[in-house]
Amino acid sequence: MAETGLSAPEAFVLSSLPHYDIRQTLKLGFMGLLAQGILRSEEETRPGVLRARRIVHLRVAPDAPAVLPPIAASLVTVVRAAAQPRDGLIGDIVKQAMREYGRTLTGFVQKHVGPALVERGLAEMRRRRFLGVFPSVALYRTSAGDAEKTRLENALHEARAIPQYLDRDPAQAAALAAAAGSAILMVEELRPHYQQLAEAFRLRAGDGFDIPANFDGGLSFDFGTIDLGSFDSFGAGFDGAAGGSDGGGDGGSGGC
């Protein structure tokens, strides 16, 4: 396993290789930073023709760390650039992401997520022929990556049992969440339980147990500060705004 926990985009791509959904990869990156308090999502209501519209803004938190892991730093740069013209509207963030990562957004994986996985020894670039004719390179898991994928799958499978432990054994619930790390964002059905999970972490810490910080670059989530309404609104807004981009990826075609 990697020395520090995988970020949500790394975990998702590693589990999906050699193919991956680039829009989901990027969304998980932003949502991970929301969960860590590095980004903040705010919602406003504006009058519409038939009904009020909910407008989502994404901004960098004033107290965000000055030094961040490379993947997080890249996403923060996108949000800061999008905040200039229209105050962090989701549509503008997607447009800025296209400027940063290319129209299909695959540059996010090719420039950042892929190299991070390669550096960890979990993935490697391999030559192949696209459609059996055109030479290209693509990202594939190494044997260590296969082992980490299996570990992640097992951890996420066990994490789905968290709700049944929250009342009777909160320490076990916290331990299962810690084992899943940032990849826990991939389990959408756990989101309604984040507040209880935050309390489980506090109880675990109070008992003197050390829960491993198995999160991106040591930046742990504070589940208790996640505004679920804003969190989910961002996810829905991103899906709608990114719907016009060419989603999907094949592990990279031009090298990392």
Protein backbone atom coordinates (compact mmCIF):
# COMPACT_ATOMS: atom_id res chain seq x y z
CA MET A 1 0.00 0.00 0.00
CA ALA A 2 1.12 3.60 -0.64
CA GLU A 3 2.87 5.45 2.21
CA THR A 4 0.06 8.02 2.41
CA GLY A 5 -3.54 7.33 1.56
CA LEU A 6 -4.76 7.70 -1.99
CA SER A 7 -6.83 10.72 -2.89
CA ALA A 8 -10.34 9.99 -4.15
CA PRO A 9 -9.36 10.57 -7.83
CA GLU A 10 -6.36 8.24 -7.47
CA ALA A 11 -8.47 5.53 -5.85
CA PHE A 12 -11.17 5.82 -8.52
CA VAL A 13 -8.77 5.73 -11.48
CA LEU A 14 -6.72 2.89 -9.99
CA SER A 15 -9.88 0.84 -9.49
CA SER A 16 -11.08 1.57 -13.05
CA LEU A 17 -7.93 1.12 -15.15
CA PRO A 18 -7.34 0.84 -18.02
CA HIS A 19 -10.60 2.77 -18.53
CA TYR A 20 -12.06 5.48 -16.34
CA ASP A 21 -14.82 8.09 -16.31
CA ILE A 22 -12.96 11.39 -16.46
CA ARG A 23 -15.91 13.50 -15.29
CA GLN A 24 -16.38 11.31 -12.21
CA THR A 25 -12.62 11.45 -11.56
CA LEU A 26 -12.60 15.24 -11.61
CA LYS A 27 -15.80 15.52 -9.55
CA LEU A 28 -14.35 13.25 -6.87
CA GLY A 29 -11.28 15.49 -6.77
CA PHE A 30 -13.36 18.59 -6.06
CA MET A 31 -15.59 16.76 -3.58
CA GLY A 32 -12.56 15.45 -1.71
CA LEU A 33 -11.35 19.02 -1.22
CA LEU A 34 -14.83 20.02 -0.06
CA ALA A 35 -14.76 17.22 2.51
CA GLN A 36 -11.32 18.36 3.68
CA GLY A 37 -12.46 21.97 4.06
CA ILE A 38 -10.00 23.23 1.44
CA LEU A 39 -12.88 24.26 -0.82
CA ARG A 40 -16.26 25.60 0.24
CA SER A 41 -19.51 25.31 -1.65
CA GLU A 42 -22.18 27.97 -1.23
CA GLU A 43 -25.67 28.03 -2.63
CA GLU A 44 -27.92 30.96 -3.49
CA THR A 45 -31.47 31.15 -4.81
CA ARG A 46 -32.25 33.36 -7.79
CA PRO A 47 -35.68 34.11 -9.26
CA GLY A 48 -36.52 32.14 -12.39
CA VAL A 49 -39.25 32.31 -15.03
CA LEU A 50 -41.29 29.45 -13.55
CA ARG A 51 -39.49 28.73 -10.30
CA ALA A 52 -36.50 29.81 -8.26
CA ARG A 53 -33.10 28.55 -9.38
CA ARG A 54 -30.42 27.21 -7.04
CA ILE A 55 -27.00 28.56 -7.98
CA VAL A 56 -23.89 26.85 -6.61
CA HIS A 57 -20.57 28.63 -6.07
CA LEU A 58 -17.27 26.93 -5.27
CA ARG A 59 -14.55 28.90 -3.54
CA VAL A 60 -11.17 28.27 -1.93
CA ALA A 61 -11.42 28.45 1.86
CA PRO A 62 -9.59 31.46 3.35
CA ASP A 63 -7.69 29.16 5.72
CA ALA A 64 -6.73 26.58 3.06
CA PRO A 65 -3.14 25.33 3.50
CA ALA A 66 -0.58 27.17 1.40
CA VAL A 67 1.15 23.90 0.46
CA LEU A 68 -0.98 21.05 -0.86
CA PRO A 69 -0.37 17.69 -2.58
CA PRO A 70 0.02 18.21 -6.38
CA ILE A 71 -3.45 16.92 -7.35
CA ALA A 72 -5.16 19.12 -4.77
CA ALA A 73 -3.00 22.12 -5.72
CA SER A 74 -3.98 21.77 -9.37
CA LEU A 75 -7.71 21.72 -8.55
CA VAL A 76 -7.34 24.73 -6.25
CA THR A 77 -5.67 26.62 -9.12
CA VAL A 78 -8.68 25.88 -11.33
CA VAL A 79 -11.14 27.11 -8.70
CA ARG A 80 -9.16 30.29 -8.03
CA ALA A 81 -8.99 31.09 -11.76
CA ALA A 82 -12.75 30.50 -12.17
CA ALA A 83 -13.54 32.74 -9.21
CA GLN A 84 -12.26 35.85 -10.96
CA PRO A 85 -14.94 36.53 -13.59
CA ARG A 86 -18.12 35.13 -11.99
CA ASP A 87 -17.43 34.18 -8.41
CA GLY A 88 -16.89 30.44 -8.74
CA LEU A 89 -19.98 29.38 -10.67
CA ILE A 90 -19.87 25.65 -11.42
CA GLY A 91 -20.20 26.18 -15.17
CA ASP A 92 -17.20 28.52 -15.13
CA ILE A 93 -15.20 26.00 -13.11
CA VAL A 94 -15.89 23.33 -15.74
CA LYS A 95 -14.84 25.76 -18.50
CA GLN A 96 -11.66 26.63 -16.62
CA ALA A 97 -10.98 22.91 -16.10
CA MET A 98 -11.24 22.45 -19.86
CA ARG A 99 -8.68 25.21 -20.35
CA GLU A 100 -6.39 23.58 -17.81
CA TYR A 101 -6.86 19.92 -18.73
CA GLY A 102 -8.09 20.04 -22.34
CA ARG A 103 -11.57 19.93 -23.86
CA THR A 104 -12.10 16.30 -22.88
CA LEU A 105 -10.65 16.93 -19.38
CA THR A 106 -8.36 13.91 -19.73
CA GLY A 107 -5.33 16.09 -18.96
CA PHE A 108 -6.32 15.90 -15.30
CA VAL A 109 -5.40 12.21 -15.27
CA GLN A 110 -2.58 12.41 -17.81
CA LYS A 111 -0.82 15.31 -16.06
CA HIS A 112 -1.63 14.67 -12.40
CA VAL A 113 -3.46 11.51 -11.33
CA GLY A 114 -1.59 9.12 -13.64
CA PRO A 115 1.91 10.38 -12.70
CA ALA A 116 0.94 10.19 -9.00
CA LEU A 117 -0.04 6.53 -9.38
CA VAL A 118 3.15 5.81 -11.35
CA GLU A 119 5.27 7.48 -8.66
CA ARG A 120 3.61 5.30 -6.03
CA GLY A 121 4.45 2.20 -8.08
CA LEU A 122 0.75 1.38 -8.53
CA ALA A 123 0.54 2.01 -12.28
CA GLU A 124 2.76 2.15 -15.35
CA MET A 125 2.58 3.35 -18.93
CA ARG A 126 2.49 0.58 -21.53
CA ARG A 127 2.71 0.76 -25.30
CA ARG A 128 -0.22 -0.57 -27.27
CA ARG A 129 -1.99 -0.13 -30.60
CA PHE A 130 -5.24 1.82 -30.53
CA LEU A 131 -7.88 0.01 -32.61
CA GLY A 132 -5.11 -2.46 -33.38
CA VAL A 133 -3.43 0.05 -35.71
CA PHE A 134 -2.36 3.35 -34.15
CA PRO A 135 0.55 3.20 -31.68
CA SER A 136 -0.18 4.76 -28.29
CA VAL A 137 0.57 4.39 -24.62
CA ALA A 138 -1.92 3.79 -21.83
CA LEU A 139 -1.97 3.53 -18.06
CA TYR A 140 -2.24 0.08 -16.50
CA ARG A 141 -2.01 -1.22 -12.95
CA THR A 142 1.20 -2.86 -11.77
CA SER A 143 1.11 -5.96 -9.56
CA ALA A 144 1.26 -3.58 -6.57
CA GLY A 145 -1.65 -1.67 -8.10
CA ASP A 146 -3.65 -4.88 -8.43
CA ALA A 147 -3.04 -5.58 -4.75
CA GLU A 148 -4.08 -2.06 -3.78
CA LYS A 149 -7.21 -2.35 -5.93
CA THR A 150 -8.15 -5.54 -4.09
CA ARG A 151 -7.52 -3.84 -0.75
CA LEU A 152 -9.67 -0.88 -1.77
CA GLU A 153 -12.50 -3.09 -2.98
CA ASN A 154 -12.47 -5.02 0.30
CA ALA A 155 -12.32 -1.80 2.35
CA LEU A 156 -15.23 -0.25 0.45
CA HIS A 157 -17.25 -3.45 0.74
CA GLU A 158 -16.74 -3.40 4.51
CA ALA A 159 -17.40 0.36 4.66
CA ARG A 160 -20.92 -0.22 3.35
CA ALA A 161 -21.65 -1.86 6.70
CA ILE A 162 -20.80 1.35 8.59
CA PRO A 163 -24.45 2.37 9.25
CA GLN A 164 -25.12 -0.80 11.26
CA TYR A 165 -22.14 -0.06 13.55
CA LEU A 166 -22.75 3.63 14.20
CA ASP A 167 -25.03 3.07 17.20
CA ARG A 168 -23.77 -0.20 18.67
CA ASP A 169 -20.05 0.02 17.89
CA PRO A 170 -18.96 3.52 16.74
CA ALA A 171 -15.29 2.60 17.17
CA GLN A 172 -15.67 -0.09 14.52
CA ALA A 173 -17.51 2.34 12.24
CA ALA A 174 -14.64 4.82 12.54
CA ALA A 175 -12.05 2.12 11.89
CA LEU A 176 -13.87 0.99 8.73
CA ALA A 177 -14.00 4.57 7.47
CA ALA A 178 -10.31 5.08 8.17
CA ALA A 179 -9.45 1.90 6.25
CA ALA A 180 -11.37 3.16 3.21
CA GLY A 181 -9.69 6.58 3.37
CA SER A 182 -10.61 9.16 0.73
CA ALA A 183 -12.13 6.39 -1.40
CA ILE A 184 -15.09 6.47 0.98
CA LEU A 185 -16.46 9.28 -1.22
CA MET A 186 -17.10 6.60 -3.85
CA VAL A 187 -19.77 5.07 -1.56
CA GLU A 188 -22.58 7.56 -2.07
CA GLU A 189 -25.04 5.76 0.22
CA LEU A 190 -22.86 6.66 3.22
CA ARG A 191 -23.34 10.41 2.82
CA PRO A 192 -26.47 10.65 5.02
CA HIS A 193 -24.38 9.12 7.84
CA TYR A 194 -21.47 11.59 7.76
CA GLN A 195 -22.57 13.45 10.91
CA GLN A 196 -22.81 10.23 12.92
CA LEU A 197 -19.49 9.15 11.48
CA ALA A 198 -17.89 12.39 12.68
CA GLU A 199 -19.14 11.62 16.19
CA ALA A 200 -17.74 8.08 15.91
CA PHE A 201 -14.31 9.54 15.12
CA ARG A 202 -14.53 11.87 18.13
CA LEU A 203 -15.48 8.98 20.41
CA ARG A 204 -12.66 6.84 19.04
CA ALA A 205 -10.12 9.60 19.66
CA GLY A 206 -11.48 10.09 23.18
CA ASP A 207 -10.86 6.42 23.93
CA GLY A 208 -7.18 6.92 23.17
CA PHE A 209 -7.13 4.79 20.03
CA ASP A 210 -5.01 5.89 17.10
CA ILE A 211 -6.90 5.74 13.81
CA PRO A 212 -4.49 5.80 10.83
CA ALA A 213 -4.69 8.97 8.75
CA ASN A 214 -5.29 7.03 5.56
CA PHE A 215 -6.33 10.09 3.58
CA ASP A 216 -4.84 12.16 0.78
CA GLY A 217 -1.46 13.51 1.85
CA GLY A 218 -2.46 13.21 5.51
CA LEU A 219 -5.34 15.68 5.00
CA SER A 220 -8.11 13.96 6.92
CA PHE A 221 -11.79 14.58 6.33
CA ASP A 222 -13.85 16.35 8.97
CA PHE A 223 -17.17 14.65 8.32
CA GLY A 224 -18.88 16.85 10.90
CA THR A 225 -18.27 20.04 8.91
CA ILE A 226 -19.62 18.74 5.59
CA ASP A 227 -22.77 20.60 4.56
CA LEU A 228 -24.59 17.76 2.85
CA GLY A 229 -27.05 20.00 1.03
CA SER A 230 -24.23 22.09 -0.43
CA PHE A 231 -22.11 18.97 -1.01
CA ASP A 232 -24.83 17.23 -3.01
CA SER A 233 -25.80 20.43 -4.84
CA PHE A 234 -22.23 20.79 -6.03
CA GLY A 235 -22.20 17.18 -7.26
CA ALA A 236 -25.45 17.62 -9.18
CA GLY A 237 -24.35 21.00 -10.52
CA PHE A 238 -21.04 19.61 -11.70
CA ASP A 239 -22.71 16.69 -13.48
CA GLY A 240 -25.03 19.10 -15.29
CA ALA A 241 -22.31 21.58 -16.22
CA ALA A 242 -19.85 18.90 -17.35
CA GLY A 243 -22.47 17.00 -19.34
CA GLY A 244 -21.38 18.64 -22.58
CA SER A 245 -17.77 17.50 -22.30
CA ASP A 246 -16.53 14.24 -23.73
CA GLY A 247 -16.45 11.93 -20.72
CA GLY A 248 -14.58 8.70 -20.31
CA GLY A 249 -10.96 7.83 -20.68
CA ASP A 250 -8.84 4.93 -21.76
CA GLY A 251 -5.96 5.28 -19.36
CA GLY A 252 -4.24 7.93 -21.46
CA SER A 253 -3.16 8.04 -25.06
CA GLY A 254 -0.31 10.48 -25.06
CA GLY A 255 1.72 9.60 -21.99
CA CYS A 256 1.71 11.17 -18.58
